[in-house]
């Protein structure tokens, strides 16, 4: 398995690269509150951001 460091110093995380499926991300113990755990989905977050951007007049 191959992992890469992601996140920030305030939210240290590891993301699994290989195998790619299923996607997996780990957060350092004690920093759990820095990540939204309620259904984290990057694609959904992008769609929400686009919807908000284009609905603003």
C-alpha atoms as a PDB file:
ATOM      1  CA  UNK A   1       0.000   0.000   0.000  1.00  0.00           C
ATOM      2  CA  UNK A   2       1.140   3.520  -0.816  1.00  0.00           C
ATOM      3  CA  UNK A   3       0.068   6.606   1.118  1.00  0.00           C
ATOM      4  CA  UNK A   4       0.712  10.329   0.750  1.00  0.00           C
ATOM      5  CA  UNK A   5       0.544  13.129   3.271  1.00  0.00           C
ATOM      6  CA  UNK A   6      -2.355  15.482   2.671  1.00  0.00           C
ATOM      7  CA  UNK A   7      -4.186  18.069   4.689  1.00  0.00           C
ATOM      8  CA  UNK A   8      -2.544  20.911   6.560  1.00  0.00           C
ATOM      9  CA  UNK A   9      -0.438  21.243   9.712  1.00  0.00           C
ATOM     10  CA  UNK A  10      -3.709  21.932  11.546  1.00  0.00           C
ATOM     11  CA  UNK A  11      -5.354  18.871  10.002  1.00  0.00           C
ATOM     12  CA  UNK A  12      -2.672  16.226   9.277  1.00  0.00           C
ATOM     13  CA  UNK A  13      -3.985  13.387   7.109  1.00  0.00           C
ATOM     14  CA  UNK A  14      -2.842  10.414   5.049  1.00  0.00           C
ATOM     15  CA  UNK A  15      -4.523   9.419   1.793  1.00  0.00           C
ATOM     16  CA  UNK A  16      -4.138   5.962   0.306  1.00  0.00           C
ATOM     17  CA  UNK A  17      -2.914   6.046  -3.299  1.00  0.00           C
ATOM     18  CA  UNK A  18      -2.520   2.328  -4.036  1.00  0.00           C
ATOM     19  CA  UNK A  19      -4.746   0.482  -4.162  1.00  0.00           C
ATOM     20  CA  UNK A  20      -6.964   3.380  -5.203  1.00  0.00           C
ATOM     21  CA  UNK A  21     -10.250   1.650  -4.430  1.00  0.00           C
ATOM     22  CA  UNK A  22     -11.869   1.943  -2.022  1.00  0.00           C
ATOM     23  CA  UNK A  23     -10.701   5.506  -1.362  1.00  0.00           C
ATOM     24  CA  UNK A  24      -9.352   5.848   2.151  1.00  0.00           C
ATOM     25  CA  UNK A  25      -8.157   8.771   4.252  1.00  0.00           C
ATOM     26  CA  UNK A  26      -6.771   8.787   7.787  1.00  0.00           C
ATOM     27  CA  UNK A  27      -6.640  11.685  10.238  1.00  0.00           C
ATOM     28  CA  UNK A  28      -4.115  11.897  13.076  1.00  0.00           C
ATOM     29  CA  UNK A  29      -5.646  11.095  16.452  1.00  0.00           C
ATOM     30  CA  UNK A  30      -6.656  14.248  18.268  1.00  0.00           C
ATOM     31  CA  UNK A  31      -7.428  16.145  15.028  1.00  0.00           C
ATOM     32  CA  UNK A  32     -10.720  14.429  14.210  1.00  0.00           C
ATOM     33  CA  UNK A  33     -12.706  17.629  14.757  1.00  0.00           C
ATOM     34  CA  UNK A  34     -10.824  19.350  11.883  1.00  0.00           C
ATOM     35  CA  UNK A  35     -12.461  17.131   9.236  1.00  0.00           C
ATOM     36  CA  UNK A  36     -16.179  17.202   8.366  1.00  0.00           C
ATOM     37  CA  UNK A  37     -17.130  13.578   9.019  1.00  0.00           C
ATOM     38  CA  UNK A  38     -20.753  13.821   7.905  1.00  0.00           C
ATOM     39  CA  UNK A  39     -20.516  12.191   4.500  1.00  0.00           C
ATOM     40  CA  UNK A  40     -17.287  13.694   3.187  1.00  0.00           C
ATOM     41  CA  UNK A  41     -17.429  13.550  -0.588  1.00  0.00           C
ATOM     42  CA  UNK A  42     -15.109  15.807  -2.647  1.00  0.00           C
ATOM     43  CA  UNK A  43     -17.284  15.588  -5.782  1.00  0.00           C
ATOM     44  CA  UNK A  44     -20.369  16.559  -3.832  1.00  0.00           C
ATOM     45  CA  UNK A  45     -18.465  19.476  -2.273  1.00  0.00           C
ATOM     46  CA  UNK A  46     -17.482  20.730  -5.759  1.00  0.00           C
ATOM     47  CA  UNK A  47     -21.068  20.470  -6.990  1.00  0.00           C
ATOM     48  CA  UNK A  48     -22.293  22.399  -3.952  1.00  0.00           C
ATOM     49  CA  UNK A  49     -19.688  25.123  -4.511  1.00  0.00           C
ATOM     50  CA  UNK A  50     -20.634  25.451  -8.198  1.00  0.00           C
ATOM     51  CA  UNK A  51     -24.340  25.528  -7.417  1.00  0.00           C
ATOM     52  CA  UNK A  52     -23.781  28.232  -4.817  1.00  0.00           C
ATOM     53  CA  UNK A  53     -21.561  30.239  -7.178  1.00  0.00           C
ATOM     54  CA  UNK A  54     -24.038  30.237 -10.063  1.00  0.00           C
ATOM     55  CA  UNK A  55     -27.140  30.772  -7.945  1.00  0.00           C
ATOM     56  CA  UNK A  56     -25.710  33.965  -6.425  1.00  0.00           C
ATOM     57  CA  UNK A  57     -26.834  37.055  -8.355  1.00  0.00           C
END
